[in-house]
Amino acid sequence: IVNVTAAIRRIRAANPLIMCITNRVTPQRVADVLLAAGASPAMIENPEEVPSFAVISSAVYCNLGLHESQMASLAALRHLLKEETPPIIVDPVAYGATPFRTTQMNEYLSHNKVAAIKGNAAEIISLSGEDGGGKGVDSAAVTSTAIEPARVLAKQRAAIISVTGDTDIIVSADGKRTCRVVGDAPMMAKVTGTGCALGGIVAAGISTSADDPYMGAVGAHALFTAAAMKALEMDETKGPGSLSITFLDALAELAENPEDVHQHVDIEELM
C-alpha cells in the first residue's frame, strides 16, 4: 500500500507530459482523466508533429484503433523508436478480431520496443499466442484466465502487461511479479473511453516511477479502479451519464489523497 500510494503521489508531483495517439471517440475522455490525475495530456495526431512531440514527452500512449490518420501517426513514431525515447504504452484494441487488425498489430509490436501493453483478457491471451475469444473492445474471457498468458507475454515482449476486466492484473516486464487490483465496476463499460483513459494513466504512472515502472502501473490501476468504486457509491451517480462526471471528481480527489485509495480497492500480490 505504501508503494502504491507513493506511485500515485508522484504523478501529481511530476505533472508528466503524456502524448496520446488515441481512438477518435476518446480524446476528451483521456485528456480529462489525465488532468484529474495530475498529468498533462497532449492529444497529438498529425504525423508531421508526432516525432518532435514524442521526444519532449514523459511517455507516449498509443491506442491501436487503426483508423487511417492514426496509422500514419504510428508510422511516424516508429522512426524514433530506434533511439532513446520516452516509455511507449500500447493498447492493442480488438486484437484478433479481424485478420487486418491482427496483422497490423503484430507488425507494429515486432518492430517497436514498448514499455507496457494494456488490454482486456481476450486481447492479452490472443497476443500471447492462445485463443482469447475476442469480440472487439469487449472480452469473452475473465481476467483470471489471462494471468499465465500475461506472464508469458511479459517475457516475450520484455514489457509490463496490464489486463483489465472484472479485476485488473499487472505483470512486471520480467514476468516475476504479479499483482491483482480488486474492484469491479461494470457500469464503467457503458462510459465511452474509460479503457483508453486507463491506458493514459498507466503511461503517467510508468513515466513517473522510473525506479520501478511496474509499481507505477499498479498505482495507476489502483487509482483508476478506486475512483470508479468511489463514484458508484456517490448519491449523484444514477447511470452512465452521471458516472462519467462523478468518476472524474472521485479520481481528482483520490489523486490528491492517495492514502484513501485502499479504502475502495484491494491490492493482492499473486504467486
Protein backbone atom coordinates (compact mmCIF):
# COMPACT_ATOMS: atom_id res chain seq x y z
CA ILE A 1 0.00 0.00 0.00
CA VAL A 2 2.83 2.40 0.86
CA ASN A 3 4.48 1.84 -2.54
CA VAL A 4 1.18 2.27 -4.36
CA THR A 5 0.40 5.49 -2.50
CA ALA A 6 3.85 6.85 -3.34
CA ALA A 7 3.46 5.91 -7.02
CA ILE A 8 0.14 7.78 -7.25
CA ARG A 9 1.55 10.79 -5.41
CA ARG A 10 4.45 11.01 -7.87
CA ILE A 11 2.07 11.61 -10.78
CA ARG A 12 0.76 14.87 -9.30
CA ALA A 13 4.20 15.90 -8.12
CA ALA A 14 5.84 15.40 -11.51
CA ASN A 15 2.93 16.53 -13.72
CA PRO A 16 4.20 14.36 -16.61
CA LEU A 17 3.51 15.31 -20.22
CA ILE A 18 1.70 12.34 -21.79
CA MET A 19 1.44 12.35 -25.56
CA CYS A 20 -1.63 10.41 -26.70
CA ILE A 21 -2.37 8.86 -30.07
CA THR A 22 -5.81 7.56 -29.33
CA ASN A 23 -9.12 6.47 -30.80
CA ARG A 24 -11.30 9.10 -32.49
CA VAL A 25 -14.11 8.75 -29.95
CA THR A 26 -11.96 9.06 -26.80
CA PRO A 27 -9.56 12.07 -26.85
CA GLN A 28 -11.56 14.25 -24.46
CA ARG A 29 -12.15 11.42 -22.00
CA VAL A 30 -8.45 10.54 -21.98
CA ALA A 31 -7.42 14.18 -21.57
CA ASP A 32 -9.94 14.82 -18.78
CA VAL A 33 -8.80 11.77 -16.81
CA LEU A 34 -5.11 12.62 -17.17
CA LEU A 35 -5.76 16.16 -15.96
CA ALA A 36 -7.74 14.88 -12.97
CA ALA A 37 -4.86 12.56 -12.06
CA GLY A 38 -2.36 15.42 -12.17
CA ALA A 39 -0.74 14.78 -15.56
CA SER A 40 -0.61 16.99 -18.66
CA PRO A 41 -2.19 15.41 -21.78
CA ALA A 42 -1.19 16.22 -25.34
CA MET A 43 -3.50 14.82 -27.99
CA ILE A 44 -1.11 14.71 -30.95
CA GLU A 45 -2.09 13.05 -34.23
CA ASN A 46 -0.57 14.96 -37.13
CA PRO A 47 2.22 12.70 -38.47
CA GLU A 48 4.36 15.77 -39.17
CA GLU A 49 4.36 16.68 -35.47
CA VAL A 50 4.38 13.25 -33.82
CA PRO A 51 8.16 12.63 -33.83
CA SER A 52 9.18 16.03 -32.44
CA PHE A 53 6.48 15.96 -29.76
CA ALA A 54 7.30 12.42 -28.68
CA VAL A 55 10.87 13.31 -27.75
CA ILE A 56 9.75 16.04 -25.33
CA SER A 57 7.06 13.88 -23.71
CA SER A 58 7.36 11.92 -20.46
CA ALA A 59 5.58 8.94 -22.07
CA VAL A 60 3.58 8.11 -25.17
CA TYR A 61 0.25 6.29 -25.05
CA CYS A 62 -0.72 4.58 -28.30
CA ASN A 63 -4.24 3.25 -28.72
CA LEU A 64 -4.12 0.96 -31.74
CA GLY A 65 -7.60 1.75 -33.02
CA LEU A 66 -6.07 1.75 -36.52
CA HIS A 67 -8.17 4.42 -38.20
CA GLU A 68 -6.35 5.88 -41.21
CA SER A 69 -4.80 9.03 -39.74
CA GLN A 70 -3.81 7.16 -36.60
CA MET A 71 -1.87 4.60 -38.61
CA ALA A 72 0.10 7.42 -40.24
CA SER A 73 0.92 8.82 -36.79
CA LEU A 74 2.08 5.42 -35.55
CA ALA A 75 4.28 5.04 -38.63
CA ALA A 76 5.84 8.44 -37.92
CA LEU A 77 6.53 7.43 -34.33
CA ARG A 78 8.24 4.23 -35.43
CA HIS A 79 11.26 6.11 -36.74
CA LEU A 80 12.03 7.37 -33.25
CA LEU A 81 11.95 4.05 -31.51
CA LYS A 82 15.44 3.09 -32.59
CA GLU A 83 16.75 5.95 -30.43
CA GLU A 84 16.31 6.88 -26.79
CA THR A 85 12.62 7.69 -26.36
CA PRO A 86 10.07 8.00 -23.57
CA PRO A 87 8.20 4.85 -22.46
CA ILE A 88 5.68 3.69 -25.05
CA ILE A 89 2.44 2.21 -23.71
CA VAL A 90 0.32 0.32 -26.23
CA ASP A 91 -3.36 -0.65 -26.17
CA PRO A 92 -3.96 -3.40 -28.79
CA VAL A 93 -7.66 -2.67 -29.28
CA ALA A 94 -9.63 -5.68 -30.50
CA TYR A 95 -6.52 -7.70 -31.32
CA GLY A 96 -7.58 -10.88 -33.09
CA ALA A 97 -10.97 -9.51 -34.18
CA THR A 98 -10.03 -9.30 -37.89
CA PRO A 99 -7.07 -10.52 -39.98
CA PHE A 100 -6.16 -6.91 -40.90
CA ARG A 101 -6.09 -5.79 -37.28
CA THR A 102 -4.08 -8.79 -36.15
CA THR A 103 -1.52 -8.39 -38.94
CA GLN A 104 -1.06 -4.66 -38.37
CA MET A 105 -0.63 -5.02 -34.62
CA ASN A 106 1.79 -7.92 -34.97
CA GLU A 107 3.88 -5.85 -37.36
CA TYR A 108 3.80 -2.83 -35.04
CA LEU A 109 4.86 -4.80 -31.99
CA SER A 110 7.54 -6.74 -33.86
CA HIS A 111 9.27 -3.50 -34.92
CA ASN A 112 8.75 -1.39 -31.79
CA LYS A 113 10.02 -1.72 -28.23
CA VAL A 114 7.20 -0.90 -25.85
CA ALA A 115 7.30 -0.41 -22.08
CA ALA A 116 3.81 -1.77 -21.43
CA ILE A 117 0.85 -3.40 -23.13
CA LYS A 118 -2.61 -2.78 -21.69
CA GLY A 119 -5.57 -4.81 -22.88
CA ASN A 120 -8.56 -6.87 -21.85
CA ALA A 121 -8.22 -10.57 -21.16
CA ALA A 122 -9.07 -11.66 -24.71
CA GLU A 123 -6.54 -9.27 -26.25
CA ILE A 124 -3.73 -10.31 -23.89
CA ILE A 125 -4.47 -14.03 -24.25
CA SER A 126 -4.51 -13.73 -28.05
CA LEU A 127 -1.28 -11.71 -28.08
CA SER A 128 0.40 -14.44 -26.05
CA GLY A 129 -0.43 -16.93 -28.81
CA GLU A 130 -3.56 -18.52 -27.40
CA ASP A 131 -7.23 -18.11 -28.38
CA GLY A 132 -8.68 -15.28 -26.33
CA GLY A 133 -12.19 -15.23 -27.74
CA GLY A 134 -12.03 -11.53 -28.55
CA LYS A 135 -15.05 -9.60 -29.81
CA GLY A 136 -13.97 -6.03 -30.46
CA VAL A 137 -13.25 -3.91 -27.39
CA ASP A 138 -15.21 -6.35 -25.22
CA SER A 139 -13.87 -9.63 -23.90
CA ALA A 140 -15.40 -13.06 -23.57
CA ALA A 141 -12.68 -14.01 -21.07
CA VAL A 142 -12.33 -13.12 -17.40
CA THR A 143 -9.01 -11.78 -16.18
CA SER A 144 -8.18 -14.84 -14.06
CA THR A 145 -7.78 -16.84 -17.28
CA ALA A 146 -5.21 -14.30 -18.52
CA ILE A 147 -2.72 -14.48 -15.64
CA GLU A 148 -0.42 -17.11 -17.14
CA PRO A 149 -0.72 -15.77 -20.71
CA ALA A 150 0.15 -12.31 -19.36
CA ARG A 151 3.28 -13.69 -17.73
CA VAL A 152 4.25 -15.39 -20.97
CA LEU A 153 3.64 -12.21 -22.95
CA ALA A 154 5.64 -10.12 -20.45
CA LYS A 155 8.67 -12.33 -21.03
CA GLN A 156 8.12 -12.40 -24.80
CA ARG A 157 7.98 -8.61 -25.09
CA ALA A 158 10.04 -7.62 -22.02
CA ALA A 159 7.12 -5.32 -21.21
CA ILE A 160 4.76 -4.71 -18.31
CA ILE A 161 1.40 -6.33 -19.05
CA SER A 162 -1.86 -4.84 -17.75
CA VAL A 163 -5.02 -6.91 -18.02
CA THR A 164 -8.33 -5.14 -17.44
CA GLY A 165 -11.72 -6.57 -16.63
CA ASP A 166 -13.65 -7.86 -13.62
CA THR A 167 -10.36 -7.45 -11.74
CA ASP A 168 -7.11 -5.99 -13.07
CA ILE A 169 -3.90 -8.00 -13.36
CA ILE A 170 -0.49 -6.34 -13.68
CA VAL A 171 2.66 -8.35 -14.51
CA SER A 172 6.20 -6.98 -14.36
CA ALA A 173 8.35 -6.90 -17.51
CA ASP A 174 10.38 -9.90 -16.38
CA GLY A 175 7.23 -11.90 -15.58
CA LYS A 176 8.34 -12.43 -11.98
CA ARG A 177 5.89 -10.14 -10.16
CA THR A 178 2.12 -10.22 -10.49
CA CYS A 179 -0.46 -8.08 -8.75
CA ARG A 180 -4.25 -8.09 -8.75
CA VAL A 181 -6.31 -4.93 -8.18
CA VAL A 182 -9.76 -6.00 -6.98
CA GLY A 183 -12.77 -3.76 -7.55
CA ASP A 184 -15.39 -4.42 -10.22
CA ALA A 185 -17.44 -1.55 -11.66
CA PRO A 186 -19.39 -2.99 -14.63
CA MET A 187 -21.15 0.33 -15.32
CA MET A 188 -17.80 1.81 -16.39
CA ALA A 189 -18.11 -0.26 -19.57
CA LYS A 190 -21.07 1.95 -20.51
CA VAL A 191 -18.92 5.11 -20.42
CA THR A 192 -17.06 5.61 -23.70
CA GLY A 193 -13.30 5.86 -23.48
CA THR A 194 -12.67 4.57 -19.97
CA GLY A 195 -10.30 1.86 -21.19
CA CYS A 196 -8.33 4.37 -23.25
CA ALA A 197 -8.24 6.72 -20.26
CA LEU A 198 -6.79 3.97 -18.07
CA GLY A 199 -4.07 3.50 -20.67
CA GLY A 200 -3.18 7.17 -20.33
CA ILE A 201 -2.99 6.86 -16.54
CA VAL A 202 -0.77 3.79 -16.85
CA ALA A 203 1.54 5.84 -19.08
CA ALA A 204 1.63 8.58 -16.44
CA GLY A 205 2.34 6.08 -13.66
CA ILE A 206 5.14 4.36 -15.53
CA SER A 207 6.76 7.63 -16.60
CA THR A 208 7.00 8.90 -13.02
CA SER A 209 8.26 5.65 -11.48
CA ALA A 210 11.46 5.09 -13.42
CA ASP A 211 12.98 3.18 -10.50
CA ASP A 212 10.07 0.71 -10.51
CA PRO A 213 7.75 1.17 -13.51
CA TYR A 214 5.82 -1.95 -12.55
CA MET A 215 4.74 -0.29 -9.31
CA GLY A 216 3.86 2.82 -11.31
CA ALA A 217 1.47 0.70 -13.37
CA VAL A 218 -0.01 -0.90 -10.25
CA GLY A 219 -0.57 2.55 -8.76
CA ALA A 220 -2.32 3.71 -11.93
CA HIS A 221 -4.70 0.74 -11.89
CA ALA A 222 -5.37 1.18 -8.18
CA LEU A 223 -6.17 4.88 -8.57
CA PHE A 224 -8.44 4.31 -11.56
CA THR A 225 -10.34 1.40 -10.00
CA ALA A 226 -10.70 3.13 -6.64
CA ALA A 227 -12.15 6.19 -8.37
CA ALA A 228 -14.70 4.03 -10.17
CA MET A 229 -15.73 2.30 -6.96
CA LYS A 230 -15.93 5.59 -5.07
CA ALA A 231 -18.02 7.17 -7.84
CA LEU A 232 -20.51 4.29 -7.75
CA GLU A 233 -21.03 4.94 -4.04
CA MET A 234 -21.95 8.59 -4.65
CA ASP A 235 -25.64 9.55 -4.46
CA GLU A 236 -25.18 11.67 -7.60
CA THR A 237 -24.38 8.59 -9.69
CA LYS A 238 -27.63 7.46 -11.32
CA GLY A 239 -26.31 5.85 -14.50
CA PRO A 240 -23.53 6.02 -17.11
CA GLY A 241 -24.06 9.72 -17.83
CA SER A 242 -23.69 10.87 -14.25
CA LEU A 243 -20.96 8.27 -13.65
CA SER A 244 -18.79 9.91 -16.31
CA ILE A 245 -18.84 13.07 -14.17
CA THR A 246 -18.66 11.62 -10.67
CA PHE A 247 -15.79 9.36 -11.75
CA LEU A 248 -13.68 12.40 -12.68
CA ASP A 249 -14.49 14.06 -9.38
CA ALA A 250 -13.58 10.91 -7.45
CA LEU A 251 -10.36 10.47 -9.42
CA ALA A 252 -9.24 14.03 -8.73
CA GLU A 253 -10.00 13.66 -5.02
CA LEU A 254 -8.12 10.37 -4.71
CA ALA A 255 -5.17 11.70 -6.71
CA GLU A 256 -4.86 14.45 -4.11
CA ASN A 257 -5.34 11.96 -1.26
CA PRO A 258 -3.82 8.67 -2.47
CA GLU A 259 -3.71 7.27 1.04
CA ASP A 260 -7.50 6.80 0.72
CA VAL A 261 -7.25 4.53 -2.34
CA HIS A 262 -7.03 1.38 -0.21
CA GLN A 263 -10.47 2.14 1.23
CA HIS A 264 -12.03 1.36 -2.15
CA VAL A 265 -9.89 -1.44 -3.65
CA ASP A 266 -7.90 -4.47 -2.54
CA ILE A 267 -4.40 -4.95 -3.90
CA GLU A 268 -3.07 -8.51 -3.84
CA GLU A 269 0.30 -9.93 -4.77
CA LEU A 270 -0.02 -13.24 -6.62
CA MET A 271 2.47 -16.08 -6.63
